[in-house]
Amino acid sequence: IRLVVNTATLLSRMAVTLGIGLYITRLLLELLGATGFGLLAALGATGTMLNLLTPSLSTGAIRNMAYELGRSDAEHSIRVFNATMVLFGAMALVIFCAGLLAAGPLLGALSIPAGRESVAAFVYLVTLVQLCLTTAATPFAGAVEARQAMGQVAAGEIGRSLLNLASVGAILVFEGDPLVIYSAALLVATLVRIAANATIATLRFPEVRVRPSAVSWSEV
């Protein structure tokens, strides 16, 4: 029964997020224009290039946390979680440094309209910060998946889509460059989503405890 419920939950999440995503794409194309939308997509793609290792590390982290949960060793599960926090924190730092070093060549390789160079640099930096924050917070999301709390996973993804939609709405509310406003709103949305997910995971799951003293370098 649990498998059926989890599958139905994930399929429902997929349908909802896909619908919202398509609507967001349409709105952004209207509000940013073809040039602005293309620039946003290009900058987002360059940020994604820096995140090649995170998915495989995330899968490994989920597997390790699920294994420790199966052993029913609460203290060791906490050590594994904190070791995972250190690993992904270090990965986020590496991505940030690599992103800063690659900023010049990547931005230089793009066809940026005249007078939009500063906007493109701002959007790239904000995208990089979002990527690093998401990477550093991966252990919290991994703990939720290791627990097979697919209801929380689905709710988080739908909430993320709604926050992204609200970020588009910020373009209509605030004055200024649409790309700058949208990027800043997305950063705020990312912070809200990460904080909410971390708080709920900490309250629900006993192994999700940030304890620097519990870090075992052998686990890392």
Protein backbone atom coordinates (compact mmCIF):
# COMPACT_ATOMS: atom_id res chain seq x y z
CA ILE A 1 0.00 0.00 0.00
CA ARG A 2 2.83 2.39 0.86
CA LEU A 3 4.38 1.89 -2.56
CA VAL A 4 1.08 2.70 -4.26
CA VAL A 5 0.56 5.81 -2.10
CA ASN A 6 4.11 7.05 -2.73
CA THR A 7 3.78 6.49 -6.47
CA ALA A 8 0.43 8.29 -6.64
CA THR A 9 1.87 11.16 -4.58
CA LEU A 10 4.87 11.58 -6.87
CA LEU A 11 2.73 11.41 -10.01
CA SER A 12 0.41 14.07 -8.61
CA ARG A 13 3.40 16.23 -7.77
CA MET A 14 4.74 15.81 -11.30
CA ALA A 15 1.44 16.86 -12.86
CA VAL A 16 1.07 19.94 -10.65
CA THR A 17 4.68 21.13 -10.98
CA LEU A 18 4.67 20.56 -14.74
CA GLY A 19 1.54 22.67 -15.14
CA ILE A 20 2.92 25.47 -12.98
CA GLY A 21 6.27 25.29 -14.78
CA LEU A 22 4.69 25.68 -18.19
CA TYR A 23 2.67 28.65 -16.96
CA ILE A 24 5.78 30.25 -15.47
CA THR A 25 7.61 29.83 -18.79
CA ARG A 26 4.79 31.58 -20.62
CA LEU A 27 4.71 34.47 -18.14
CA LEU A 28 8.47 34.93 -18.20
CA LEU A 29 8.53 35.01 -21.98
CA GLU A 30 5.90 37.75 -21.93
CA LEU A 31 7.46 39.79 -19.12
CA LEU A 32 11.14 39.44 -20.03
CA GLY A 33 10.83 39.32 -23.79
CA ALA A 34 12.66 36.88 -26.04
CA THR A 35 16.07 38.47 -25.42
CA GLY A 36 15.72 38.61 -21.63
CA PHE A 37 14.31 35.10 -21.45
CA GLY A 38 17.12 33.75 -23.61
CA LEU A 39 19.72 35.48 -21.44
CA LEU A 40 18.12 34.02 -18.28
CA ALA A 41 18.12 30.52 -19.78
CA ALA A 42 21.75 30.81 -20.90
CA LEU A 43 22.92 32.02 -17.48
CA GLY A 44 20.95 29.27 -15.77
CA ALA A 45 22.58 26.68 -18.02
CA THR A 46 26.07 27.92 -17.18
CA GLY A 47 25.27 27.55 -13.49
CA THR A 48 24.02 24.00 -14.04
CA MET A 49 27.35 23.09 -15.66
CA LEU A 50 29.03 23.63 -12.29
CA ASN A 51 26.71 21.14 -10.59
CA LEU A 52 27.67 17.94 -12.38
CA LEU A 53 28.79 15.93 -9.34
CA THR A 54 26.04 16.85 -6.89
CA PRO A 55 23.31 14.46 -8.21
CA SER A 56 25.55 11.40 -7.89
CA LEU A 57 26.74 12.45 -4.44
CA SER A 58 23.15 13.07 -3.40
CA THR A 59 22.16 9.54 -4.45
CA GLY A 60 25.04 8.12 -2.42
CA ALA A 61 24.10 10.21 0.60
CA ILE A 62 20.47 9.05 0.47
CA ARG A 63 21.62 5.42 0.24
CA ASN A 64 23.95 5.78 3.24
CA MET A 65 21.33 7.50 5.39
CA ALA A 66 18.70 4.92 4.49
CA TYR A 67 21.15 2.14 5.35
CA GLU A 68 21.84 3.64 8.77
CA LEU A 69 18.12 4.02 9.41
CA GLY A 70 17.71 0.33 8.67
CA ARG A 71 20.34 -0.48 11.30
CA SER A 72 18.29 1.44 13.92
CA ASP A 73 21.43 3.08 15.30
CA ALA A 74 20.30 6.60 16.20
CA GLU A 75 23.71 7.99 17.19
CA HIS A 76 25.45 6.63 14.14
CA SER A 77 22.68 8.02 11.93
CA ILE A 78 23.35 11.45 13.40
CA ARG A 79 27.07 11.06 12.68
CA VAL A 80 26.35 10.08 9.08
CA PHE A 81 24.02 13.06 8.64
CA ASN A 82 26.63 15.50 9.99
CA ALA A 83 29.36 13.95 7.84
CA THR A 84 27.06 14.45 4.85
CA MET A 85 26.57 18.09 5.88
CA VAL A 86 30.35 18.61 5.88
CA LEU A 87 30.72 16.93 2.49
CA PHE A 88 28.04 18.99 0.79
CA GLY A 89 29.15 22.18 2.53
CA ALA A 90 32.62 21.64 1.10
CA MET A 91 31.09 20.89 -2.31
CA ALA A 92 29.10 24.15 -2.17
CA LEU A 93 32.30 26.07 -1.38
CA VAL A 94 34.13 24.43 -4.29
CA ILE A 95 31.24 25.24 -6.66
CA PHE A 96 31.21 28.87 -5.49
CA CYS A 97 34.95 29.31 -6.01
CA ALA A 98 34.83 27.57 -9.39
CA GLY A 99 31.88 29.72 -10.40
CA LEU A 100 33.71 32.92 -9.53
CA LEU A 101 36.79 31.82 -11.46
CA ALA A 102 34.70 30.83 -14.46
CA ALA A 103 32.52 33.96 -14.43
CA GLY A 104 34.71 35.96 -16.79
CA PRO A 105 35.12 33.30 -19.50
CA LEU A 106 31.49 32.16 -19.29
CA LEU A 107 30.01 35.65 -19.46
CA GLY A 108 32.46 36.57 -22.19
CA ALA A 109 31.33 33.61 -24.28
CA LEU A 110 27.68 34.72 -24.20
CA SER A 111 26.15 37.15 -26.67
CA ILE A 112 24.99 39.73 -24.12
CA PRO A 113 23.16 42.80 -25.50
CA ALA A 114 25.02 46.09 -25.15
CA GLY A 115 24.40 47.77 -21.81
CA ARG A 116 23.21 44.55 -20.15
CA GLU A 117 26.59 43.30 -18.98
CA SER A 118 26.07 44.36 -15.34
CA VAL A 119 22.62 42.78 -15.25
CA ALA A 120 24.00 39.53 -16.68
CA ALA A 121 26.79 39.53 -14.07
CA PHE A 122 24.26 40.07 -11.26
CA VAL A 123 21.98 37.29 -12.49
CA TYR A 124 24.94 34.93 -12.84
CA LEU A 125 26.12 35.67 -9.29
CA VAL A 126 22.64 35.19 -7.83
CA THR A 127 22.25 31.93 -9.76
CA LEU A 128 25.59 30.75 -8.40
CA VAL A 129 24.59 31.59 -4.81
CA GLN A 130 21.29 29.72 -5.24
CA LEU A 131 23.15 26.70 -6.55
CA CYS A 132 25.55 26.73 -3.59
CA LEU A 133 22.74 27.10 -1.05
CA THR A 134 20.80 24.24 -2.62
CA THR A 135 23.91 22.06 -2.64
CA ALA A 136 24.70 22.78 1.01
CA ALA A 137 21.11 21.96 2.00
CA THR A 138 21.06 18.64 0.10
CA PRO A 139 21.47 16.51 3.28
CA PHE A 140 18.11 17.75 4.60
CA ALA A 141 16.36 16.80 1.38
CA GLY A 142 18.26 13.50 1.36
CA ALA A 143 17.11 12.70 4.89
CA VAL A 144 13.50 13.24 3.87
CA GLU A 145 13.89 10.92 0.88
CA ALA A 146 15.75 8.33 2.95
CA ARG A 147 12.72 8.24 5.24
CA GLN A 148 10.51 7.80 2.15
CA ALA A 149 8.42 10.76 3.30
CA MET A 150 7.13 11.29 -0.21
CA GLY A 151 4.28 13.46 1.00
CA GLN A 152 6.81 15.99 2.28
CA VAL A 153 8.86 15.64 -0.91
CA ALA A 154 5.78 16.32 -3.04
CA ALA A 155 4.67 19.23 -0.85
CA GLY A 156 8.17 20.71 -1.03
CA GLU A 157 8.28 20.50 -4.83
CA ILE A 158 4.81 22.03 -5.19
CA GLY A 159 5.80 24.75 -2.72
CA ARG A 160 8.92 25.38 -4.76
CA SER A 161 6.85 25.79 -7.92
CA LEU A 162 4.49 28.19 -6.17
CA LEU A 163 7.41 30.22 -4.83
CA ASN A 164 8.83 30.39 -8.35
CA LEU A 165 5.45 31.63 -9.55
CA ALA A 166 5.45 34.27 -6.81
CA SER A 167 8.92 35.32 -7.99
CA VAL A 168 7.48 35.98 -11.43
CA GLY A 169 4.74 38.03 -9.79
CA ALA A 170 7.42 40.15 -8.12
CA ILE A 171 8.24 41.56 -11.56
CA LEU A 172 4.77 43.11 -11.66
CA VAL A 173 4.95 44.45 -8.10
CA PHE A 174 8.41 46.02 -7.95
CA GLU A 175 9.96 48.59 -10.25
CA GLY A 176 13.29 47.97 -11.87
CA ASP A 177 14.94 45.63 -14.31
CA PRO A 178 12.74 42.50 -14.62
CA LEU A 179 15.73 40.15 -14.72
CA VAL A 180 17.23 41.63 -11.55
CA ILE A 181 13.90 41.54 -9.72
CA TYR A 182 13.15 37.97 -10.77
CA SER A 183 16.62 36.74 -9.82
CA ALA A 184 16.49 38.42 -6.42
CA ALA A 185 13.00 37.05 -5.79
CA LEU A 186 14.18 33.55 -6.72
CA LEU A 187 17.02 33.86 -4.21
CA VAL A 188 14.56 34.79 -1.46
CA ALA A 189 12.30 31.90 -2.53
CA THR A 190 15.26 29.50 -2.34
CA LEU A 191 16.10 30.66 1.19
CA VAL A 192 12.47 30.25 2.29
CA ARG A 193 12.23 26.76 0.78
CA ILE A 194 15.50 25.57 2.32
CA ALA A 195 14.63 26.97 5.74
CA ALA A 196 11.17 25.37 5.67
CA ASN A 197 12.48 21.98 4.54
CA ALA A 198 15.29 21.97 7.11
CA THR A 199 12.97 23.00 9.94
CA ILE A 200 10.35 20.35 9.13
CA ALA A 201 12.99 17.63 8.71
CA THR A 202 14.58 18.57 12.04
CA LEU A 203 11.23 18.44 13.82
CA ARG A 204 10.14 15.16 12.23
CA PHE A 205 13.28 13.04 12.12
CA PRO A 206 15.56 12.46 15.14
CA GLU A 207 18.67 11.80 13.03
CA VAL A 208 18.48 15.26 11.44
CA ARG A 209 20.52 17.11 14.04
CA VAL A 210 23.33 19.55 13.25
CA ARG A 211 26.07 18.66 15.70
CA PRO A 212 29.63 19.67 14.78
CA SER A 213 30.93 17.44 17.58
CA ALA A 214 29.31 14.43 15.90
CA VAL A 215 31.31 14.83 12.69
CA SER A 216 33.43 11.75 12.01
CA TRP A 217 36.09 12.28 9.35
CA SER A 218 36.11 8.57 8.63
CA GLU A 219 32.44 8.90 7.67
CA VAL A 220 33.22 11.86 5.39
